[in-house]
Amino acid sequence: MIRIDGNALRAAGDLAVELIVSRTLEGRDRFGRPFAPYSTRPYALPAGALWAQGSRTAARRLKQQGQIGYFRRQGKLWAIVKGGYRAYKEARLGQGDQVNLTLTGSMLRSLRVLRVDEREGSVTIGFGRTDAAEKAYYHVVSGAGPSRTIRDFLGLTDEELDRVAEVIARGIRFEL
């Protein structure tokens, strides 16, 4: 009988998560290709969200640059970032041209090993938080933003699969 040690499966899952996160932070998808750039089309959001904690510095920078306009929709105040999401991310993090699916980092931090099944010889990775899984769904399946841009970061390149397979191979045990 051939068995795969549960520790090897866990280590393979942890490595897969690490590889996905590292590659995503470098701005590459599951095929190793660069992500589509962030939009430069005007970006609307509730004004309160723009001035909320975490975005205030970006809001001030955008205001100084003349990048913010305001309008009312159904009695609520909205802000429009004239340079699009790219300008917003540049003002917030200084990385508007770096597409790495990270504004707060919570989605990628939530990616983890969810289950190891020694009997099946399987590892399930996914998101520990529902909101992170929803963000990933938008990026990978339905598309993010008004243009519905797909940035498929979940999965492994052939080279990454080889590295994960090496970890699993070290955990194979033959039992009589």
Foldseek 3Di string as FASTA:
>chain_A
DKFFDLVLQQVLQALLLVVLLVLLQQQAAQQRHHFDAFAQAKDKDFPCVCCDPLNVQLSVVQVVVVQWDWDDDPRGIMIIGHRHPLSSQCRRPVPSRRRRLDDPCQLSVQWHWDDGDRVVRHTDIDGPDPVSRVSLCQQDPQADDPVRGHRHSPHHHPVSVVVSVVSRVVRMDDDD
